[in-house]
N, C-alpha and C. Protein backbone atom coordinates (compact mmCIF):
# COMPACT_ATOMS: atom_id res chain seq x y z
N UNK A 1 -2.83 19.42 -45.48
CA UNK A 1 -3.60 18.77 -44.42
C UNK A 1 -2.70 18.61 -43.19
N UNK A 2 -3.28 18.75 -42.05
CA UNK A 2 -2.57 18.64 -40.77
C UNK A 2 -1.92 17.26 -40.64
N UNK A 3 -0.62 17.24 -40.31
CA UNK A 3 0.13 15.97 -40.19
C UNK A 3 -0.50 15.05 -39.15
N UNK A 4 -0.98 15.59 -38.01
CA UNK A 4 -1.59 14.78 -36.96
C UNK A 4 -2.87 14.11 -37.49
N UNK A 5 -3.65 14.85 -38.26
CA UNK A 5 -4.88 14.31 -38.82
C UNK A 5 -4.58 13.18 -39.80
N UNK A 6 -3.55 13.37 -40.63
CA UNK A 6 -3.16 12.32 -41.58
C UNK A 6 -2.72 11.08 -40.82
N UNK A 7 -1.91 11.26 -39.81
CA UNK A 7 -1.45 10.13 -38.99
C UNK A 7 -2.62 9.40 -38.36
N UNK A 8 -3.58 10.14 -37.80
CA UNK A 8 -4.76 9.52 -37.19
C UNK A 8 -5.59 8.77 -38.23
N UNK A 9 -5.74 9.35 -39.44
CA UNK A 9 -6.51 8.68 -40.49
C UNK A 9 -5.82 7.40 -40.92
N UNK A 10 -4.48 7.43 -41.05
CA UNK A 10 -3.73 6.23 -41.42
C UNK A 10 -3.87 5.16 -40.35
N UNK A 11 -3.77 5.58 -39.09
CA UNK A 11 -3.90 4.63 -37.98
C UNK A 11 -5.30 4.02 -37.97
N UNK A 12 -6.32 4.84 -38.21
CA UNK A 12 -7.69 4.33 -38.24
C UNK A 12 -7.87 3.29 -39.33
N UNK A 13 -7.25 3.50 -40.51
CA UNK A 13 -7.34 2.52 -41.60
C UNK A 13 -6.68 1.21 -41.20
N UNK A 14 -5.54 1.31 -40.50
CA UNK A 14 -4.80 0.11 -40.11
C UNK A 14 -5.54 -0.67 -39.02
N UNK A 15 -6.25 0.01 -38.13
CA UNK A 15 -6.89 -0.66 -37.00
C UNK A 15 -8.39 -0.81 -37.18
N UNK A 16 -8.91 -0.35 -38.31
CA UNK A 16 -10.35 -0.44 -38.53
C UNK A 16 -10.81 -1.89 -38.40
N UNK A 17 -11.82 -2.12 -37.57
CA UNK A 17 -12.34 -3.46 -37.37
C UNK A 17 -11.70 -4.19 -36.20
N UNK A 18 -10.60 -3.65 -35.66
CA UNK A 18 -9.96 -4.28 -34.50
C UNK A 18 -10.51 -3.66 -33.22
N UNK A 19 -10.47 -4.42 -32.17
CA UNK A 19 -10.84 -3.90 -30.86
C UNK A 19 -9.88 -2.80 -30.46
N UNK A 20 -10.34 -1.88 -29.64
CA UNK A 20 -9.42 -0.84 -29.14
C UNK A 20 -8.31 -1.46 -28.29
N UNK A 21 -8.48 -2.70 -27.88
CA UNK A 21 -7.47 -3.40 -27.10
C UNK A 21 -6.62 -4.34 -27.98
N UNK A 22 -6.78 -4.23 -29.30
CA UNK A 22 -6.04 -5.10 -30.20
C UNK A 22 -6.48 -6.54 -30.01
N UNK A 23 -5.53 -7.44 -29.93
CA UNK A 23 -5.83 -8.86 -29.73
C UNK A 23 -5.85 -9.26 -28.26
N UNK A 24 -5.67 -8.29 -27.39
CA UNK A 24 -5.62 -8.56 -25.95
C UNK A 24 -7.02 -8.87 -25.41
N UNK A 25 -7.15 -9.97 -24.64
CA UNK A 25 -8.42 -10.33 -24.01
C UNK A 25 -8.45 -9.68 -22.63
N UNK A 26 -9.27 -8.66 -22.47
CA UNK A 26 -9.35 -7.93 -21.20
C UNK A 26 -10.61 -8.28 -20.41
N UNK A 27 -11.32 -9.32 -20.84
CA UNK A 27 -12.60 -9.65 -20.21
C UNK A 27 -12.47 -10.06 -18.74
N UNK A 28 -11.35 -10.64 -18.35
CA UNK A 28 -11.17 -11.06 -16.95
C UNK A 28 -10.33 -10.09 -16.13
N UNK A 29 -10.04 -8.94 -16.70
CA UNK A 29 -9.19 -7.96 -16.03
C UNK A 29 -10.01 -7.16 -15.01
N UNK A 30 -9.40 -6.85 -13.88
CA UNK A 30 -10.06 -6.04 -12.85
C UNK A 30 -10.20 -4.61 -13.35
N UNK A 31 -11.35 -3.98 -13.09
CA UNK A 31 -11.59 -2.60 -13.51
C UNK A 31 -10.89 -1.58 -12.61
N UNK A 32 -10.51 -1.96 -11.43
CA UNK A 32 -9.90 -1.06 -10.46
C UNK A 32 -8.40 -0.92 -10.75
N UNK A 33 -7.95 0.26 -11.20
CA UNK A 33 -6.52 0.42 -11.51
C UNK A 33 -5.62 0.32 -10.28
N UNK A 34 -6.20 0.39 -9.09
CA UNK A 34 -5.41 0.30 -7.86
C UNK A 34 -5.43 -1.11 -7.28
N UNK A 35 -6.09 -2.03 -7.95
CA UNK A 35 -6.25 -3.38 -7.44
C UNK A 35 -4.91 -4.11 -7.29
N UNK A 36 -4.78 -4.78 -6.17
CA UNK A 36 -3.66 -5.68 -5.89
C UNK A 36 -4.28 -6.93 -5.28
N UNK A 37 -3.99 -8.08 -5.83
CA UNK A 37 -4.58 -9.33 -5.35
C UNK A 37 -4.19 -9.60 -3.91
N UNK A 38 -5.08 -10.21 -3.14
CA UNK A 38 -4.74 -10.58 -1.76
C UNK A 38 -3.53 -11.52 -1.76
N UNK A 39 -2.50 -11.14 -1.02
CA UNK A 39 -1.26 -11.92 -0.96
C UNK A 39 -0.29 -11.18 -0.05
N UNK A 40 0.89 -11.72 0.08
CA UNK A 40 1.97 -11.05 0.81
C UNK A 40 3.00 -10.60 -0.21
N UNK A 41 3.42 -9.34 -0.10
CA UNK A 41 4.33 -8.74 -1.09
C UNK A 41 5.55 -8.13 -0.42
N UNK A 42 6.68 -8.26 -1.11
CA UNK A 42 7.88 -7.51 -0.69
C UNK A 42 7.70 -6.10 -1.25
N UNK A 43 7.88 -5.11 -0.40
CA UNK A 43 7.69 -3.72 -0.80
C UNK A 43 8.85 -2.87 -0.30
N UNK A 44 8.96 -1.71 -0.90
CA UNK A 44 9.89 -0.68 -0.43
C UNK A 44 9.04 0.49 0.02
N UNK A 45 9.30 1.02 1.21
CA UNK A 45 8.62 2.23 1.64
C UNK A 45 9.28 3.38 0.87
N UNK A 46 8.51 4.01 -0.01
CA UNK A 46 9.06 5.05 -0.88
C UNK A 46 8.82 6.46 -0.35
N UNK A 47 7.85 6.59 0.55
CA UNK A 47 7.57 7.91 1.12
C UNK A 47 6.88 7.75 2.47
N UNK A 48 7.25 8.61 3.39
CA UNK A 48 6.60 8.70 4.69
C UNK A 48 6.47 10.19 5.00
N UNK A 49 5.24 10.66 5.15
CA UNK A 49 5.04 12.09 5.35
C UNK A 49 3.75 12.35 6.11
N UNK A 50 3.74 13.46 6.84
CA UNK A 50 2.51 13.89 7.51
C UNK A 50 1.64 14.58 6.48
N UNK A 51 0.35 14.25 6.47
CA UNK A 51 -0.63 14.85 5.57
C UNK A 51 -1.78 15.40 6.39
N UNK A 52 -2.46 16.39 5.84
CA UNK A 52 -3.63 16.94 6.50
C UNK A 52 -4.83 16.06 6.18
N UNK A 53 -5.66 15.77 7.18
CA UNK A 53 -6.87 14.98 6.98
C UNK A 53 -8.01 15.89 6.55
N UNK A 54 -9.11 15.30 6.08
CA UNK A 54 -10.29 16.07 5.68
C UNK A 54 -10.83 16.90 6.84
N UNK A 55 -10.65 16.35 8.05
CA UNK A 55 -11.17 17.02 9.25
C UNK A 55 -10.24 18.11 9.76
N UNK A 56 -9.09 18.31 9.11
CA UNK A 56 -8.16 19.34 9.54
C UNK A 56 -7.08 18.83 10.49
N UNK A 57 -7.10 17.55 10.80
CA UNK A 57 -6.06 16.97 11.65
C UNK A 57 -4.87 16.54 10.80
N UNK A 58 -4.10 15.62 11.31
CA UNK A 58 -2.96 15.13 10.54
C UNK A 58 -2.93 13.61 10.59
N UNK A 59 -2.27 13.05 9.57
CA UNK A 59 -2.16 11.60 9.46
C UNK A 59 -0.80 11.28 8.87
N UNK A 60 -0.26 10.15 9.26
CA UNK A 60 0.99 9.67 8.67
C UNK A 60 0.61 8.86 7.44
N UNK A 61 1.11 9.29 6.28
CA UNK A 61 0.88 8.57 5.02
C UNK A 61 2.17 7.83 4.67
N UNK A 62 2.04 6.52 4.49
CA UNK A 62 3.17 5.68 4.10
C UNK A 62 2.89 5.13 2.72
N UNK A 63 3.77 5.40 1.77
CA UNK A 63 3.62 4.90 0.41
C UNK A 63 4.64 3.79 0.18
N UNK A 64 4.18 2.73 -0.46
CA UNK A 64 5.02 1.57 -0.73
C UNK A 64 4.96 1.25 -2.21
N UNK A 65 6.00 0.58 -2.69
CA UNK A 65 6.00 0.06 -4.05
C UNK A 65 6.38 -1.41 -3.99
N UNK A 66 5.59 -2.25 -4.65
CA UNK A 66 5.89 -3.68 -4.69
C UNK A 66 7.15 -3.89 -5.51
N UNK A 67 8.08 -4.66 -4.94
CA UNK A 67 9.39 -4.89 -5.58
C UNK A 67 9.62 -6.38 -5.71
N UNK A 68 8.86 -7.00 -6.60
CA UNK A 68 8.98 -8.43 -6.85
C UNK A 68 9.00 -8.70 -8.34
N UNK A 69 10.18 -8.59 -8.98
CA UNK A 69 10.24 -8.85 -10.42
C UNK A 69 9.62 -10.22 -10.73
N UNK A 70 8.86 -10.26 -11.81
CA UNK A 70 8.19 -11.50 -12.20
C UNK A 70 6.79 -11.62 -11.63
N UNK A 71 6.46 -10.83 -10.61
CA UNK A 71 5.12 -10.83 -10.04
C UNK A 71 4.24 -9.91 -10.87
N UNK A 72 2.99 -10.29 -11.09
CA UNK A 72 2.06 -9.47 -11.87
C UNK A 72 1.90 -8.06 -11.31
N UNK A 73 2.15 -7.89 -10.02
CA UNK A 73 1.92 -6.59 -9.38
C UNK A 73 3.22 -5.84 -9.08
N UNK A 74 4.34 -6.32 -9.62
CA UNK A 74 5.62 -5.63 -9.44
C UNK A 74 5.48 -4.18 -9.93
N UNK A 75 5.90 -3.25 -9.10
CA UNK A 75 5.82 -1.83 -9.45
C UNK A 75 4.55 -1.15 -8.99
N UNK A 76 3.51 -1.92 -8.63
CA UNK A 76 2.26 -1.31 -8.15
C UNK A 76 2.52 -0.64 -6.80
N UNK A 77 1.68 0.32 -6.50
CA UNK A 77 1.84 1.10 -5.27
C UNK A 77 0.72 0.78 -4.28
N UNK A 78 1.08 0.81 -3.02
CA UNK A 78 0.13 0.64 -1.91
C UNK A 78 0.31 1.82 -0.97
N UNK A 79 -0.71 2.10 -0.16
CA UNK A 79 -0.60 3.20 0.79
C UNK A 79 -1.28 2.84 2.11
N UNK A 80 -0.62 3.27 3.18
CA UNK A 80 -1.19 3.22 4.53
C UNK A 80 -1.48 4.65 4.94
N UNK A 81 -2.54 4.85 5.70
CA UNK A 81 -2.91 6.18 6.16
C UNK A 81 -3.31 6.06 7.61
N UNK A 82 -2.56 6.71 8.48
CA UNK A 82 -2.78 6.59 9.92
C UNK A 82 -3.15 7.95 10.52
N UNK A 83 -4.46 8.23 10.69
CA UNK A 83 -4.86 9.48 11.36
C UNK A 83 -4.31 9.49 12.79
N UNK A 84 -3.85 10.65 13.20
CA UNK A 84 -3.30 10.80 14.56
C UNK A 84 -4.10 11.83 15.33
N UNK A 85 -4.36 11.56 16.60
CA UNK A 85 -5.04 12.57 17.42
C UNK A 85 -4.10 13.74 17.69
N UNK A 86 -4.67 14.87 18.04
CA UNK A 86 -3.85 16.03 18.42
C UNK A 86 -3.27 15.75 19.79
N UNK A 87 -1.96 15.65 19.86
CA UNK A 87 -1.30 15.29 21.12
C UNK A 87 -0.69 16.48 21.84
N UNK A 88 -0.88 17.68 21.32
CA UNK A 88 -0.29 18.87 21.94
C UNK A 88 -0.73 19.00 23.40
N UNK A 89 0.25 19.10 24.27
CA UNK A 89 -0.03 19.30 25.68
C UNK A 89 -0.40 18.04 26.43
N UNK A 90 -0.48 16.91 25.74
CA UNK A 90 -0.85 15.66 26.40
C UNK A 90 0.37 14.77 26.52
N UNK A 91 0.61 14.31 27.71
CA UNK A 91 1.80 13.49 27.97
C UNK A 91 1.48 12.13 28.57
N UNK A 92 0.22 11.88 28.85
CA UNK A 92 -0.18 10.63 29.48
C UNK A 92 -1.26 9.94 28.65
N UNK A 93 -1.18 8.62 28.55
CA UNK A 93 -2.19 7.86 27.83
C UNK A 93 -3.58 8.06 28.45
N UNK A 94 -3.64 8.35 29.73
CA UNK A 94 -4.93 8.54 30.40
C UNK A 94 -5.67 9.78 29.87
N UNK A 95 -4.96 10.66 29.17
CA UNK A 95 -5.58 11.86 28.61
C UNK A 95 -6.22 11.59 27.23
N UNK A 96 -6.06 10.39 26.71
CA UNK A 96 -6.58 10.05 25.39
C UNK A 96 -7.88 9.28 25.49
N UNK A 97 -8.73 9.44 24.48
CA UNK A 97 -9.96 8.65 24.41
C UNK A 97 -9.61 7.25 23.92
N UNK A 98 -10.56 6.35 24.01
CA UNK A 98 -10.34 4.98 23.52
C UNK A 98 -10.06 4.99 22.01
N UNK A 99 -10.79 5.81 21.24
CA UNK A 99 -10.56 5.90 19.79
C UNK A 99 -9.16 6.44 19.48
N UNK A 100 -8.72 7.42 20.23
CA UNK A 100 -7.38 7.99 20.02
C UNK A 100 -6.30 6.95 20.32
N UNK A 101 -6.52 6.17 21.36
CA UNK A 101 -5.56 5.10 21.68
C UNK A 101 -5.53 4.06 20.56
N UNK A 102 -6.70 3.74 19.99
CA UNK A 102 -6.76 2.79 18.88
C UNK A 102 -5.98 3.29 17.67
N UNK A 103 -6.12 4.59 17.37
CA UNK A 103 -5.39 5.18 16.24
C UNK A 103 -3.88 5.04 16.44
N UNK A 104 -3.43 5.34 17.62
CA UNK A 104 -1.99 5.24 17.91
C UNK A 104 -1.54 3.79 17.89
N UNK A 105 -2.35 2.90 18.45
CA UNK A 105 -1.99 1.47 18.50
C UNK A 105 -1.84 0.89 17.10
N UNK A 106 -2.70 1.29 16.18
CA UNK A 106 -2.63 0.78 14.80
C UNK A 106 -1.32 1.20 14.14
N UNK A 107 -0.96 2.47 14.27
CA UNK A 107 0.30 2.95 13.68
C UNK A 107 1.49 2.33 14.41
N UNK A 108 1.42 2.25 15.70
CA UNK A 108 2.50 1.67 16.50
C UNK A 108 2.79 0.23 16.08
N UNK A 109 1.71 -0.56 15.89
CA UNK A 109 1.87 -1.95 15.48
C UNK A 109 2.54 -2.04 14.11
N UNK A 110 2.10 -1.20 13.14
CA UNK A 110 2.68 -1.24 11.80
C UNK A 110 4.18 -0.93 11.86
N UNK A 111 4.56 0.08 12.61
CA UNK A 111 5.98 0.47 12.70
C UNK A 111 6.79 -0.58 13.45
N UNK A 112 6.24 -1.09 14.54
CA UNK A 112 6.96 -2.08 15.33
C UNK A 112 7.21 -3.36 14.53
N UNK A 113 6.20 -3.84 13.82
CA UNK A 113 6.36 -5.11 13.09
C UNK A 113 7.02 -4.93 11.72
N UNK A 114 6.68 -3.87 11.01
CA UNK A 114 7.22 -3.67 9.67
C UNK A 114 8.67 -3.21 9.65
N UNK A 115 9.04 -2.47 10.66
CA UNK A 115 10.40 -1.95 10.71
C UNK A 115 11.22 -2.59 11.82
N UNK A 116 10.63 -3.56 12.51
CA UNK A 116 11.33 -4.30 13.56
C UNK A 116 11.90 -3.37 14.63
N UNK A 117 11.08 -2.40 15.04
CA UNK A 117 11.51 -1.42 16.05
C UNK A 117 11.25 -1.99 17.44
N UNK A 118 12.28 -2.11 18.25
CA UNK A 118 12.08 -2.60 19.63
C UNK A 118 11.23 -1.64 20.45
N UNK A 119 10.51 -2.19 21.40
CA UNK A 119 9.63 -1.39 22.27
C UNK A 119 10.33 -0.15 22.83
N UNK A 120 11.55 -0.34 23.31
CA UNK A 120 12.26 0.77 23.96
C UNK A 120 12.69 1.87 23.00
N UNK A 121 12.58 1.63 21.68
CA UNK A 121 12.97 2.64 20.70
C UNK A 121 11.79 3.29 19.99
N UNK A 122 10.57 2.85 20.29
CA UNK A 122 9.39 3.38 19.59
C UNK A 122 9.23 4.89 19.73
N UNK A 123 9.52 5.43 20.90
CA UNK A 123 9.34 6.86 21.13
C UNK A 123 10.34 7.72 20.38
N UNK A 124 11.38 7.13 19.81
CA UNK A 124 12.39 7.92 19.10
C UNK A 124 12.33 7.75 17.58
N UNK A 125 11.33 7.04 17.06
CA UNK A 125 11.22 6.83 15.61
C UNK A 125 10.88 8.16 14.93
N UNK A 126 11.61 8.47 13.88
CA UNK A 126 11.38 9.66 13.07
C UNK A 126 10.78 9.23 11.73
N UNK A 127 9.94 10.05 11.16
CA UNK A 127 9.30 9.74 9.89
C UNK A 127 10.34 9.43 8.83
N UNK A 128 11.43 10.19 8.79
CA UNK A 128 12.45 10.01 7.75
C UNK A 128 13.13 8.65 7.82
N UNK A 129 13.14 8.01 8.98
CA UNK A 129 13.81 6.70 9.10
C UNK A 129 12.97 5.56 8.50
N UNK A 130 11.73 5.83 8.14
CA UNK A 130 10.85 4.79 7.59
C UNK A 130 11.06 4.59 6.09
N UNK A 131 11.59 5.60 5.42
CA UNK A 131 11.74 5.58 3.97
C UNK A 131 12.93 4.71 3.55
N UNK A 132 12.82 4.13 2.35
CA UNK A 132 13.86 3.28 1.75
C UNK A 132 14.11 2.02 2.57
N UNK A 133 13.06 1.50 3.15
CA UNK A 133 13.14 0.26 3.92
C UNK A 133 12.33 -0.81 3.21
N UNK A 134 12.91 -2.01 3.11
CA UNK A 134 12.19 -3.14 2.54
C UNK A 134 11.45 -3.86 3.67
N UNK A 135 10.19 -4.18 3.41
CA UNK A 135 9.39 -4.94 4.37
C UNK A 135 8.38 -5.76 3.59
N UNK A 136 7.60 -6.56 4.27
CA UNK A 136 6.59 -7.41 3.65
C UNK A 136 5.22 -7.00 4.17
N UNK A 137 4.29 -6.81 3.24
CA UNK A 137 2.93 -6.43 3.59
C UNK A 137 1.97 -7.50 3.10
N UNK A 138 1.01 -7.84 3.94
CA UNK A 138 -0.04 -8.77 3.56
C UNK A 138 -1.29 -7.96 3.25
N UNK A 139 -1.85 -8.22 2.07
CA UNK A 139 -3.02 -7.50 1.59
C UNK A 139 -4.21 -8.45 1.59
N UNK A 140 -5.34 -7.96 2.06
CA UNK A 140 -6.58 -8.73 2.13
C UNK A 140 -7.66 -7.98 1.37
N UNK A 141 -8.59 -8.72 0.79
CA UNK A 141 -9.71 -8.11 0.08
C UNK A 141 -10.92 -8.06 1.00
N UNK A 142 -11.58 -6.92 1.06
CA UNK A 142 -12.78 -6.73 1.88
C UNK A 142 -13.90 -6.17 1.03
N UNK A 143 -15.12 -6.57 1.34
CA UNK A 143 -16.29 -6.03 0.65
C UNK A 143 -16.68 -4.69 1.26
N UNK A 144 -17.20 -3.81 0.43
CA UNK A 144 -17.70 -2.52 0.89
C UNK A 144 -18.88 -2.77 1.84
N UNK A 145 -18.96 -2.01 2.91
CA UNK A 145 -20.01 -2.23 3.91
C UNK A 145 -21.41 -1.92 3.38
N UNK A 146 -21.52 -0.99 2.45
CA UNK A 146 -22.84 -0.62 1.92
C UNK A 146 -23.15 -1.29 0.59
N UNK A 147 -22.11 -1.69 -0.15
CA UNK A 147 -22.30 -2.34 -1.45
C UNK A 147 -21.35 -3.53 -1.56
N UNK A 148 -21.80 -4.73 -1.15
CA UNK A 148 -20.93 -5.91 -1.13
C UNK A 148 -20.34 -6.29 -2.49
N UNK A 149 -20.89 -5.74 -3.58
CA UNK A 149 -20.31 -6.05 -4.89
C UNK A 149 -18.99 -5.30 -5.11
N UNK A 150 -18.77 -4.24 -4.34
CA UNK A 150 -17.51 -3.49 -4.42
C UNK A 150 -16.50 -4.12 -3.48
N UNK A 151 -15.28 -4.28 -3.96
CA UNK A 151 -14.21 -4.87 -3.15
C UNK A 151 -13.07 -3.88 -2.99
N UNK A 152 -12.46 -3.90 -1.83
CA UNK A 152 -11.30 -3.05 -1.55
C UNK A 152 -10.18 -3.92 -1.00
N UNK A 153 -8.97 -3.53 -1.29
CA UNK A 153 -7.84 -4.24 -0.71
C UNK A 153 -7.24 -3.38 0.39
N UNK A 154 -6.93 -4.02 1.49
CA UNK A 154 -6.37 -3.33 2.64
C UNK A 154 -5.13 -4.06 3.12
N UNK A 155 -4.18 -3.29 3.61
CA UNK A 155 -2.99 -3.87 4.23
C UNK A 155 -3.40 -4.32 5.62
N UNK A 156 -3.20 -5.60 5.92
CA UNK A 156 -3.63 -6.11 7.21
C UNK A 156 -2.47 -6.56 8.09
N UNK A 157 -1.27 -6.66 7.52
CA UNK A 157 -0.14 -7.14 8.30
C UNK A 157 1.15 -6.63 7.69
N UNK A 158 2.12 -6.36 8.55
CA UNK A 158 3.45 -6.00 8.07
C UNK A 158 4.48 -6.83 8.83
N UNK A 159 5.56 -7.13 8.13
CA UNK A 159 6.67 -7.85 8.74
C UNK A 159 7.96 -7.25 8.23
N UNK A 160 8.92 -7.14 9.10
CA UNK A 160 10.23 -6.67 8.67
C UNK A 160 10.84 -7.72 7.75
N UNK A 161 11.82 -7.32 6.98
CA UNK A 161 12.48 -8.25 6.07
C UNK A 161 13.10 -9.41 6.85
N UNK A 162 13.73 -9.09 7.99
CA UNK A 162 14.37 -10.14 8.80
C UNK A 162 13.34 -11.12 9.36
N UNK A 163 12.24 -10.61 9.89
CA UNK A 163 11.21 -11.48 10.47
C UNK A 163 10.57 -12.35 9.39
N UNK A 164 10.31 -11.78 8.22
CA UNK A 164 9.70 -12.55 7.14
C UNK A 164 10.65 -13.65 6.67
N UNK A 165 11.93 -13.31 6.49
CA UNK A 165 12.92 -14.30 6.03
C UNK A 165 13.05 -15.45 7.02
N UNK A 166 13.06 -15.11 8.30
CA UNK A 166 13.16 -16.14 9.33
C UNK A 166 11.94 -17.06 9.29
N UNK A 167 10.76 -16.47 9.21
CA UNK A 167 9.53 -17.26 9.17
C UNK A 167 9.47 -18.12 7.90
N UNK A 168 9.88 -17.55 6.77
CA UNK A 168 9.86 -18.29 5.50
C UNK A 168 10.82 -19.47 5.55
N UNK A 169 11.99 -19.28 6.14
CA UNK A 169 12.95 -20.39 6.19
C UNK A 169 12.47 -21.48 7.15
N UNK A 170 11.80 -21.11 8.23
CA UNK A 170 11.24 -22.10 9.16
C UNK A 170 10.16 -22.93 8.49
N UNK A 171 9.40 -22.29 7.60
CA UNK A 171 8.30 -22.98 6.91
C UNK A 171 8.77 -23.66 5.64
N UNK A 172 10.02 -23.43 5.24
CA UNK A 172 10.52 -24.00 4.01
C UNK A 172 9.87 -23.36 2.79
N UNK A 173 9.52 -22.08 2.90
CA UNK A 173 8.83 -21.38 1.83
C UNK A 173 9.72 -21.19 0.62
N UNK A 174 9.09 -21.22 -0.55
CA UNK A 174 9.82 -20.96 -1.78
C UNK A 174 9.58 -19.52 -2.25
N UNK A 175 9.05 -18.66 -1.36
CA UNK A 175 8.81 -17.27 -1.72
C UNK A 175 10.12 -16.66 -2.18
N UNK A 176 10.08 -15.93 -3.29
CA UNK A 176 11.27 -15.33 -3.86
C UNK A 176 11.77 -14.20 -2.96
N UNK A 177 12.78 -14.53 -2.15
CA UNK A 177 13.35 -13.52 -1.26
C UNK A 177 14.36 -12.70 -2.03
């Protein structure tokens, strides 16, 4: 008889009558494997790369990993996705539409606040300099616009490690720095 089949039959005898989850109570667990509770998390930017969008354009994808030992979400991953307008041949903000300016402003704000980049250095930021940086991200839960029973978590704020530490010490926070 096949060894794998014997092993499966033995396992079935041992677990017969038990839940597939053993003694674990999963009734209050979130079904979304990407779920992260609304909160502020210390993260490491693990990847920053240009990706192609569905429309054929490009977007900056920033991947983060929560780095808070002892936190239920330690090790979970988060992602930011910033679509960028095609800027070839355009050198003035007046050449951009309002939506294109909004796209750039959103990415600009994330980089300026999360990486503590001074205004005068924003034009020289390279994608590679964003990786392996610790920062703090605030995550908020939002309802789906068409189905309010569905919830999504979105990154709504970023702070550099220095800015977060300063703010936490001013507030007397006990957040595990």
